[in-house]
Amino acid sequence: DDSETNLMCGIIGYIGNKNSLPILLEGLKRMEYRGYDSAGVALLSENHLEVIKKQGKLGNLITALNGNNFNSPIGLGHIRWATHGVPSEDNAHPHVDFQHKIAIVHNGIIENMNELKAMLESEGHKFTSQSDSELFAHLIEKYYQPGQLTEAVKKTLSVVRGAYGLGVLSADEPDKIVAARLGSPLVLGIVPEGGYLI
């Protein structure tokens, strides 16, 4: 069943006073049994969004990082088992908006993908993947106003039908991760030394 298979992805996010990359990679290692066709991370470094993703096992992502730690206090990670779209680097998460300022990770399924994609394409949005999840990045971009990331996510969720565990960050709001869930598990953790995990 497609919806059950889609739950075999893992997402993680961290915001705090430590370097996020080692924390994200450790989380992805612990979730590797949940998906292994691709893995990726999105990191904010000096308000610049870095997205690194690779097809195949987590080791391919670690090799691509080549020891670069990025020293970012905020980031998202994802490990994937394909549902929409074949295993590929383009279909791997995190997905970004057209301006490369918003990154999302998603576990779940968008049931009204075709109508939302047609609407966005008619407005000039160009998609780089076959994944339903990329829609989140474009919808959030559509609704985003400066300083209003949470509101843009809420508007996006009001038009999406389906299931989601979702993590979102924006280069324009480097002190925030927005998380939401419906029908997919999502846990919020408080880090004793300061910070949060999803």
Protein backbone atom coordinates (compact mmCIF):
# COMPACT_ATOMS: atom_id res chain seq x y z
CA ASP A 1 0.00 0.00 0.00
CA ASP A 2 1.48 3.34 -1.12
CA SER A 3 0.47 5.28 1.98
CA GLU A 4 1.97 2.69 4.32
CA THR A 5 5.20 2.57 2.33
CA ASN A 6 5.45 6.35 2.44
CA LEU A 7 5.64 6.19 6.21
CA MET A 8 8.98 4.45 5.76
CA CYS A 9 10.84 7.74 5.50
CA GLY A 10 12.54 9.51 8.34
CA ILE A 11 12.84 13.23 9.07
CA ILE A 12 14.87 15.09 11.64
CA GLY A 13 15.40 18.75 12.46
CA TYR A 14 17.59 20.55 14.99
CA ILE A 15 17.80 24.14 16.17
CA GLY A 16 19.99 25.14 19.08
CA ASN A 17 23.44 26.28 20.10
CA LYS A 18 25.41 23.31 18.72
CA ASN A 19 26.51 22.47 15.21
CA SER A 20 23.47 20.78 13.66
CA LEU A 21 25.16 18.55 11.07
CA PRO A 22 26.60 15.88 13.42
CA ILE A 23 23.24 15.72 15.23
CA LEU A 24 21.31 15.36 11.97
CA LEU A 25 23.66 12.64 10.68
CA GLU A 26 23.41 10.69 13.93
CA GLY A 27 19.62 10.90 13.73
CA LEU A 28 19.64 9.71 10.11
CA LYS A 29 21.92 6.79 11.03
CA ARG A 30 19.41 5.70 13.66
CA MET A 31 16.58 5.89 11.10
CA GLU A 32 18.43 4.26 8.21
CA TYR A 33 16.27 1.15 8.49
CA ARG A 34 13.27 3.36 7.53
CA GLY A 35 14.57 4.23 4.08
CA TYR A 36 17.65 3.83 2.00
CA ASP A 37 17.16 5.07 -1.54
CA SER A 38 18.44 8.57 -0.76
CA ALA A 39 19.40 10.92 2.06
CA GLY A 40 19.93 14.65 2.39
CA VAL A 41 20.36 17.62 4.69
CA ALA A 42 19.52 21.33 4.53
CA LEU A 43 21.63 23.69 6.65
CA LEU A 44 21.56 27.42 7.22
CA SER A 45 25.00 28.94 7.32
CA GLU A 46 25.18 32.75 7.66
CA ASN A 47 21.60 33.00 6.29
CA HIS A 48 22.59 30.97 3.21
CA LEU A 49 20.78 27.70 2.55
CA GLU A 50 23.03 24.72 1.81
CA VAL A 51 21.29 21.55 0.56
CA ILE A 52 23.27 18.35 0.07
CA LYS A 53 21.50 15.17 -1.01
CA LYS A 54 22.56 11.91 -2.56
CA GLN A 55 20.92 8.86 -4.05
CA GLY A 56 21.62 5.57 -2.30
CA LYS A 57 22.57 4.82 1.26
CA LEU A 58 23.43 7.37 3.93
CA GLY A 59 27.13 6.67 3.38
CA ASN A 60 26.88 8.38 -0.02
CA LEU A 61 25.71 11.59 1.66
CA ILE A 62 28.48 11.39 4.25
CA THR A 63 31.03 10.95 1.44
CA ALA A 64 29.58 13.96 -0.43
CA LEU A 65 29.90 16.11 2.69
CA ASN A 66 33.62 15.28 2.61
CA GLY A 67 34.21 16.27 6.21
CA ASN A 68 32.62 19.72 5.80
CA ASN A 69 30.73 20.52 9.01
CA PHE A 70 29.19 23.85 7.84
CA ASN A 71 28.93 24.97 11.49
CA SER A 72 25.20 25.61 11.29
CA PRO A 73 22.98 25.81 14.41
CA ILE A 74 19.86 24.88 12.40
CA GLY A 75 19.14 22.14 9.90
CA LEU A 76 16.84 19.46 8.53
CA GLY A 77 17.59 15.90 7.46
CA HIS A 78 15.70 13.20 5.57
CA ILE A 79 16.18 9.57 4.65
CA ARG A 80 13.84 8.26 1.95
CA TRP A 81 12.10 5.20 0.63
CA ALA A 82 10.58 6.16 -2.74
CA THR A 83 6.83 6.47 -3.26
CA HIS A 84 6.28 9.38 -5.67
CA GLY A 85 9.15 9.43 -8.14
CA VAL A 86 11.95 6.98 -8.72
CA PRO A 87 15.02 6.92 -6.48
CA SER A 88 17.17 9.81 -7.69
CA GLU A 89 19.03 12.85 -6.43
CA ASP A 90 16.29 15.17 -7.76
CA ASN A 91 13.58 13.24 -5.89
CA ALA A 92 15.61 13.15 -2.66
CA HIS A 93 14.72 15.48 0.21
CA PRO A 94 15.14 18.21 1.36
CA HIS A 95 13.20 20.01 -1.36
CA VAL A 96 13.57 23.74 -1.90
CA ASP A 97 11.52 26.53 -3.40
CA PHE A 98 12.41 28.24 -6.67
CA GLN A 99 14.36 31.02 -4.90
CA HIS A 100 16.34 28.46 -2.87
CA LYS A 101 15.38 30.10 0.43
CA ILE A 102 12.87 27.60 1.86
CA ALA A 103 13.70 23.95 2.54
CA ILE A 104 11.29 21.21 3.57
CA VAL A 105 11.42 17.59 4.65
CA HIS A 106 8.22 15.54 4.48
CA ASN A 107 7.02 12.11 5.49
CA GLY A 108 3.57 11.27 4.14
CA ILE A 109 1.54 11.70 0.97
CA ILE A 110 -0.26 14.58 -0.76
CA GLU A 111 -3.51 13.23 -2.16
CA ASN A 112 -4.40 16.32 -4.22
CA MET A 113 -0.93 16.57 -5.78
CA ASN A 114 -2.11 16.82 -9.40
CA GLU A 115 -4.47 19.76 -8.92
CA LEU A 116 -2.02 21.68 -6.72
CA LYS A 117 0.85 21.09 -9.14
CA ALA A 118 -1.28 22.26 -12.10
CA MET A 119 -2.23 25.42 -10.19
CA LEU A 120 1.39 26.20 -9.29
CA GLU A 121 2.67 25.50 -12.82
CA SER A 122 0.00 27.86 -14.22
CA GLU A 123 1.49 30.52 -11.91
CA GLY A 124 5.01 29.91 -13.26
CA HIS A 125 6.43 27.50 -10.69
CA LYS A 126 8.92 25.01 -12.14
CA PHE A 127 9.44 21.65 -10.47
CA THR A 128 12.72 19.76 -10.38
CA SER A 129 11.40 16.43 -9.06
CA GLN A 130 8.58 13.93 -9.45
CA SER A 131 7.99 13.97 -5.69
CA ASP A 132 4.71 15.15 -4.24
CA SER A 133 6.70 16.60 -1.33
CA GLU A 134 8.26 19.33 -3.48
CA LEU A 135 4.80 20.93 -3.61
CA PHE A 136 5.20 21.97 0.03
CA ALA A 137 8.24 24.12 -0.78
CA HIS A 138 6.47 25.84 -3.68
CA LEU A 139 3.21 26.38 -1.80
CA ILE A 140 5.03 27.86 1.18
CA GLU A 141 6.95 30.14 -1.20
CA LYS A 142 3.64 31.21 -2.79
CA TYR A 143 2.15 32.21 0.56
CA TYR A 144 5.31 33.53 2.21
CA GLN A 145 5.50 37.13 3.40
CA PRO A 146 8.65 38.41 5.17
CA GLY A 147 8.72 37.25 8.78
CA GLN A 148 5.61 35.09 8.30
CA LEU A 149 6.95 31.54 7.81
CA THR A 150 4.53 29.99 10.32
CA GLU A 151 1.57 31.69 8.64
CA ALA A 152 2.73 30.52 5.17
CA VAL A 153 2.94 26.93 6.44
CA LYS A 154 -0.57 27.21 7.93
CA LYS A 155 -1.99 28.50 4.62
CA THR A 156 -0.22 25.68 2.77
CA LEU A 157 -1.67 23.04 5.08
CA SER A 158 -5.15 24.47 4.55
CA VAL A 159 -5.00 23.54 0.83
CA VAL A 160 -3.17 20.20 1.11
CA ARG A 161 -5.10 16.95 1.50
CA GLY A 162 -3.21 13.96 2.80
CA ALA A 163 -0.81 12.94 5.53
CA TYR A 164 2.32 14.70 6.66
CA GLY A 165 5.09 14.94 9.14
CA LEU A 166 6.71 18.18 7.99
CA GLY A 167 9.76 20.25 8.85
CA VAL A 168 10.36 23.68 7.27
CA LEU A 169 13.12 26.26 7.50
CA SER A 170 13.75 29.54 5.71
CA ALA A 171 16.98 31.43 5.07
CA ASP A 172 15.04 34.61 5.86
CA GLU A 173 14.12 33.38 9.37
CA PRO A 174 17.26 31.60 10.62
CA ASP A 175 16.01 31.26 14.19
CA LYS A 176 13.02 29.03 13.42
CA ILE A 177 11.96 25.57 12.30
CA VAL A 178 8.25 25.12 11.67
CA ALA A 179 6.94 21.59 12.18
CA ALA A 180 3.49 20.11 11.60
CA ARG A 181 1.86 16.71 11.49
CA LEU A 182 -1.35 15.05 10.37
CA GLY A 183 -1.60 11.29 10.09
CA SER A 184 2.19 10.83 10.19
CA PRO A 185 4.20 10.62 13.41
CA LEU A 186 6.25 13.60 14.55
CA VAL A 187 7.95 14.05 17.89
CA LEU A 188 9.22 17.30 19.40
CA GLY A 189 12.24 16.95 21.66
CA ILE A 190 13.73 19.55 24.00
CA VAL A 191 17.54 19.47 24.19
CA PRO A 192 18.73 19.95 27.81
CA GLU A 193 21.66 22.18 26.77
CA GLY A 194 19.25 24.40 24.80
CA GLY A 195 17.44 23.79 21.55
CA TYR A 196 14.86 21.54 19.94
CA LEU A 197 14.68 18.40 17.83
CA ILE A 198 11.94 17.09 15.59
